[in-house]
Amino acid sequence: MKSQSGQFNKKGEKIMAIGNVVQRGSFVYIYDEKGRQIGLLSAGSGPKDRLMGYTSSTVNIQRGSFIYTYDEKGRQISITSAR
């Protein structure tokens, strides 16, 4: 019998870790550890709008004077002032 490994969310769904995140123009592409695209976000179109960075579970995008944090599926987790 094969055991399941990895992380699961509260709904019991397997969480795919973020392997890479790339900004191309006004879009941010999220890829898993195997290089498959798992999410797509808008980077915005303003002069300060851009991908700020990512971890294995979150993506941070600055739009104007706010930084938005998203999960691996592109769902917004939080918003904070960029100050």
N, C-alpha and C. Protein backbone atom coordinates (compact mmCIF):
# COMPACT_ATOMS: atom_id res chain seq x y z
N MET A 1 0.83 -1.17 0.00
CA MET A 1 0.00 0.00 0.00
C MET A 1 0.89 1.25 0.00
N LYS A 2 0.56 2.20 -0.87
CA LYS A 2 1.34 3.40 -1.02
C LYS A 2 0.81 4.47 -0.08
N SER A 3 1.69 5.10 0.68
CA SER A 3 1.24 6.16 1.58
C SER A 3 1.26 7.50 0.86
N GLN A 4 0.35 8.40 1.27
CA GLN A 4 0.33 9.73 0.67
C GLN A 4 1.29 10.62 1.44
N SER A 5 2.04 11.40 0.69
CA SER A 5 2.93 12.36 1.32
C SER A 5 2.62 13.74 0.78
N GLY A 6 3.07 14.76 1.47
CA GLY A 6 2.83 16.12 1.03
C GLY A 6 1.92 16.84 2.00
N GLN A 7 1.62 18.07 1.65
CA GLN A 7 0.79 18.90 2.50
C GLN A 7 -0.61 18.98 1.93
N PHE A 8 -1.59 19.11 2.84
CA PHE A 8 -2.99 19.21 2.45
C PHE A 8 -3.61 20.42 3.12
N ASN A 9 -4.56 21.07 2.43
CA ASN A 9 -5.24 22.21 3.04
C ASN A 9 -6.39 21.74 3.92
N LYS A 10 -7.17 22.68 4.46
CA LYS A 10 -8.27 22.34 5.36
C LYS A 10 -9.36 21.53 4.68
N LYS A 11 -9.48 21.64 3.37
CA LYS A 11 -10.50 20.90 2.62
C LYS A 11 -10.00 19.51 2.21
N GLY A 12 -8.77 19.18 2.56
CA GLY A 12 -8.21 17.88 2.21
C GLY A 12 -7.60 17.84 0.82
N GLU A 13 -7.47 19.00 0.17
CA GLU A 13 -6.88 19.07 -1.16
C GLU A 13 -5.36 19.10 -1.04
N LYS A 14 -4.68 18.39 -1.93
CA LYS A 14 -3.22 18.39 -1.91
C LYS A 14 -2.71 19.75 -2.35
N ILE A 15 -1.77 20.28 -1.60
CA ILE A 15 -1.18 21.58 -1.91
C ILE A 15 0.09 21.35 -2.74
N MET A 16 0.11 21.96 -3.91
CA MET A 16 1.30 21.88 -4.75
C MET A 16 2.22 23.04 -4.38
N ALA A 17 3.46 22.74 -4.10
CA ALA A 17 4.41 23.78 -3.75
C ALA A 17 4.77 24.59 -4.99
N ILE A 18 4.99 25.87 -4.79
CA ILE A 18 5.40 26.75 -5.88
C ILE A 18 6.88 26.48 -6.16
N GLY A 19 7.18 26.21 -7.41
CA GLY A 19 8.55 25.96 -7.81
C GLY A 19 9.20 27.17 -8.46
N ASN A 20 8.40 27.95 -9.19
CA ASN A 20 8.92 29.12 -9.89
C ASN A 20 7.77 30.08 -10.18
N VAL A 21 8.09 31.36 -10.24
CA VAL A 21 7.11 32.39 -10.59
C VAL A 21 7.81 33.36 -11.52
N VAL A 22 7.14 33.68 -12.64
CA VAL A 22 7.75 34.53 -13.66
C VAL A 22 6.75 35.60 -14.08
N GLN A 23 7.23 36.84 -14.20
CA GLN A 23 6.39 37.91 -14.74
C GLN A 23 6.73 38.09 -16.21
N ARG A 24 5.70 38.05 -17.04
CA ARG A 24 5.83 38.33 -18.46
C ARG A 24 4.83 39.43 -18.80
N GLY A 25 5.34 40.62 -19.05
CA GLY A 25 4.46 41.75 -19.32
C GLY A 25 3.62 42.05 -18.09
N SER A 26 2.31 42.09 -18.26
CA SER A 26 1.44 42.42 -17.13
C SER A 26 0.84 41.19 -16.47
N PHE A 27 1.42 40.01 -16.72
CA PHE A 27 0.93 38.78 -16.10
C PHE A 27 2.03 38.09 -15.31
N VAL A 28 1.61 37.39 -14.24
CA VAL A 28 2.52 36.62 -13.40
C VAL A 28 2.09 35.15 -13.50
N TYR A 29 3.01 34.30 -13.93
CA TYR A 29 2.74 32.88 -14.12
C TYR A 29 3.33 32.12 -12.93
N ILE A 30 2.52 31.22 -12.36
CA ILE A 30 2.95 30.41 -11.21
C ILE A 30 3.13 28.97 -11.68
N TYR A 31 4.29 28.39 -11.38
CA TYR A 31 4.61 27.02 -11.78
C TYR A 31 4.87 26.15 -10.55
N ASP A 32 4.50 24.87 -10.64
CA ASP A 32 4.79 23.96 -9.54
C ASP A 32 6.22 23.44 -9.64
N GLU A 33 6.56 22.53 -8.77
CA GLU A 33 7.92 21.99 -8.72
C GLU A 33 8.29 21.18 -9.97
N LYS A 34 7.28 20.74 -10.70
CA LYS A 34 7.52 19.97 -11.92
C LYS A 34 7.47 20.83 -13.17
N GLY A 35 7.32 22.15 -13.00
CA GLY A 35 7.32 23.06 -14.13
C GLY A 35 5.96 23.24 -14.79
N ARG A 36 4.90 22.69 -14.19
CA ARG A 36 3.56 22.85 -14.74
C ARG A 36 2.95 24.15 -14.23
N GLN A 37 2.28 24.88 -15.13
CA GLN A 37 1.62 26.11 -14.71
C GLN A 37 0.44 25.78 -13.83
N ILE A 38 0.39 26.39 -12.64
CA ILE A 38 -0.70 26.14 -11.70
C ILE A 38 -1.49 27.40 -11.38
N GLY A 39 -1.03 28.54 -11.87
CA GLY A 39 -1.74 29.79 -11.60
C GLY A 39 -1.33 30.89 -12.53
N LEU A 40 -2.19 31.90 -12.65
CA LEU A 40 -1.93 33.06 -13.48
C LEU A 40 -2.56 34.26 -12.79
N LEU A 41 -1.78 35.32 -12.61
CA LEU A 41 -2.25 36.52 -11.92
C LEU A 41 -1.93 37.75 -12.75
N SER A 42 -2.68 38.80 -12.52
CA SER A 42 -2.40 40.09 -13.15
C SER A 42 -1.35 40.80 -12.33
N ALA A 43 -0.33 41.33 -12.99
CA ALA A 43 0.68 42.13 -12.30
C ALA A 43 0.26 43.59 -12.26
N GLY A 44 -0.77 43.95 -12.99
CA GLY A 44 -1.20 45.33 -13.08
C GLY A 44 -0.52 46.03 -14.24
N SER A 45 -0.83 47.30 -14.41
CA SER A 45 -0.26 48.03 -15.54
C SER A 45 0.34 49.37 -15.15
N GLY A 46 0.40 49.67 -13.86
CA GLY A 46 0.98 50.92 -13.39
C GLY A 46 2.49 50.87 -13.31
N PRO A 47 3.11 52.02 -13.12
CA PRO A 47 4.57 52.08 -13.07
C PRO A 47 5.19 51.34 -11.88
N LYS A 48 4.45 51.18 -10.79
CA LYS A 48 4.97 50.47 -9.60
C LYS A 48 4.47 49.03 -9.53
N ASP A 49 3.66 48.61 -10.48
CA ASP A 49 3.06 47.27 -10.45
C ASP A 49 4.07 46.23 -10.91
N ARG A 50 4.28 45.21 -10.03
CA ARG A 50 5.29 44.19 -10.38
C ARG A 50 5.24 43.03 -9.41
N LEU A 51 5.85 41.93 -9.82
CA LEU A 51 6.08 40.79 -8.95
C LEU A 51 7.14 41.19 -7.94
N MET A 52 6.83 41.02 -6.66
CA MET A 52 7.79 41.38 -5.60
C MET A 52 8.64 40.19 -5.19
N GLY A 53 8.04 39.00 -5.18
CA GLY A 53 8.77 37.81 -4.77
C GLY A 53 7.82 36.67 -4.48
N TYR A 54 8.38 35.52 -4.14
CA TYR A 54 7.55 34.35 -3.84
C TYR A 54 8.28 33.40 -2.91
N THR A 55 7.48 32.53 -2.27
CA THR A 55 8.01 31.44 -1.44
C THR A 55 7.43 30.15 -2.01
N SER A 56 7.60 29.05 -1.33
CA SER A 56 7.04 27.79 -1.81
C SER A 56 5.52 27.74 -1.68
N SER A 57 4.94 28.72 -0.96
CA SER A 57 3.48 28.70 -0.77
C SER A 57 2.78 30.02 -1.06
N THR A 58 3.53 31.11 -1.31
CA THR A 58 2.89 32.40 -1.56
C THR A 58 3.58 33.18 -2.68
N VAL A 59 2.81 34.11 -3.27
CA VAL A 59 3.32 35.03 -4.30
C VAL A 59 2.93 36.43 -3.86
N ASN A 60 3.87 37.39 -3.94
CA ASN A 60 3.60 38.77 -3.57
C ASN A 60 3.71 39.67 -4.80
N ILE A 61 2.65 40.44 -5.04
CA ILE A 61 2.59 41.35 -6.18
C ILE A 61 2.25 42.74 -5.67
N GLN A 62 3.04 43.73 -6.10
CA GLN A 62 2.73 45.11 -5.75
C GLN A 62 1.89 45.72 -6.87
N ARG A 63 0.76 46.30 -6.48
CA ARG A 63 -0.07 47.07 -7.39
C ARG A 63 -0.31 48.41 -6.73
N GLY A 64 0.26 49.46 -7.31
CA GLY A 64 0.15 50.78 -6.70
C GLY A 64 0.83 50.80 -5.36
N SER A 65 0.13 51.25 -4.34
CA SER A 65 0.72 51.35 -3.00
C SER A 65 0.33 50.18 -2.09
N PHE A 66 -0.09 49.07 -2.69
CA PHE A 66 -0.45 47.89 -1.90
C PHE A 66 0.30 46.66 -2.40
N ILE A 67 0.58 45.73 -1.48
CA ILE A 67 1.17 44.44 -1.82
C ILE A 67 0.13 43.37 -1.53
N TYR A 68 -0.16 42.60 -2.55
CA TYR A 68 -1.15 41.53 -2.47
C TYR A 68 -0.42 40.20 -2.34
N THR A 69 -0.88 39.34 -1.44
CA THR A 69 -0.30 38.02 -1.25
C THR A 69 -1.31 36.97 -1.71
N TYR A 70 -0.83 36.03 -2.52
CA TYR A 70 -1.68 34.98 -3.09
C TYR A 70 -1.12 33.61 -2.73
N ASP A 71 -2.00 32.60 -2.74
CA ASP A 71 -1.54 31.23 -2.52
C ASP A 71 -1.13 30.62 -3.86
N GLU A 72 -0.79 29.32 -3.84
CA GLU A 72 -0.28 28.65 -5.04
C GLU A 72 -1.31 28.54 -6.16
N LYS A 73 -2.58 28.68 -5.83
CA LYS A 73 -3.62 28.61 -6.86
C LYS A 73 -4.06 29.99 -7.34
N GLY A 74 -3.43 31.02 -6.81
CA GLY A 74 -3.77 32.37 -7.23
C GLY A 74 -4.90 33.00 -6.45
N ARG A 75 -5.24 32.42 -5.29
CA ARG A 75 -6.28 32.99 -4.44
C ARG A 75 -5.66 34.01 -3.49
N GLN A 76 -6.28 35.18 -3.39
CA GLN A 76 -5.75 36.24 -2.53
C GLN A 76 -5.84 35.82 -1.06
N ILE A 77 -4.72 35.97 -0.35
CA ILE A 77 -4.65 35.65 1.07
C ILE A 77 -4.72 36.93 1.90
N SER A 78 -3.97 37.94 1.47
CA SER A 78 -3.94 39.19 2.25
C SER A 78 -3.54 40.36 1.37
N ILE A 79 -3.68 41.55 1.94
CA ILE A 79 -3.27 42.79 1.31
C ILE A 79 -2.67 43.67 2.39
N THR A 80 -1.59 44.36 2.05
CA THR A 80 -0.94 45.24 3.02
C THR A 80 -0.41 46.48 2.29
N SER A 81 -0.25 47.54 3.02
CA SER A 81 0.28 48.77 2.45
C SER A 81 1.76 48.60 2.14
N ALA A 82 2.18 49.10 0.98
CA ALA A 82 3.59 49.02 0.60
C ALA A 82 4.41 50.09 1.30
N ARG A 83 3.77 51.10 1.86
CA ARG A 83 4.37 52.22 2.59
C ARG A 83 5.39 52.89 1.76
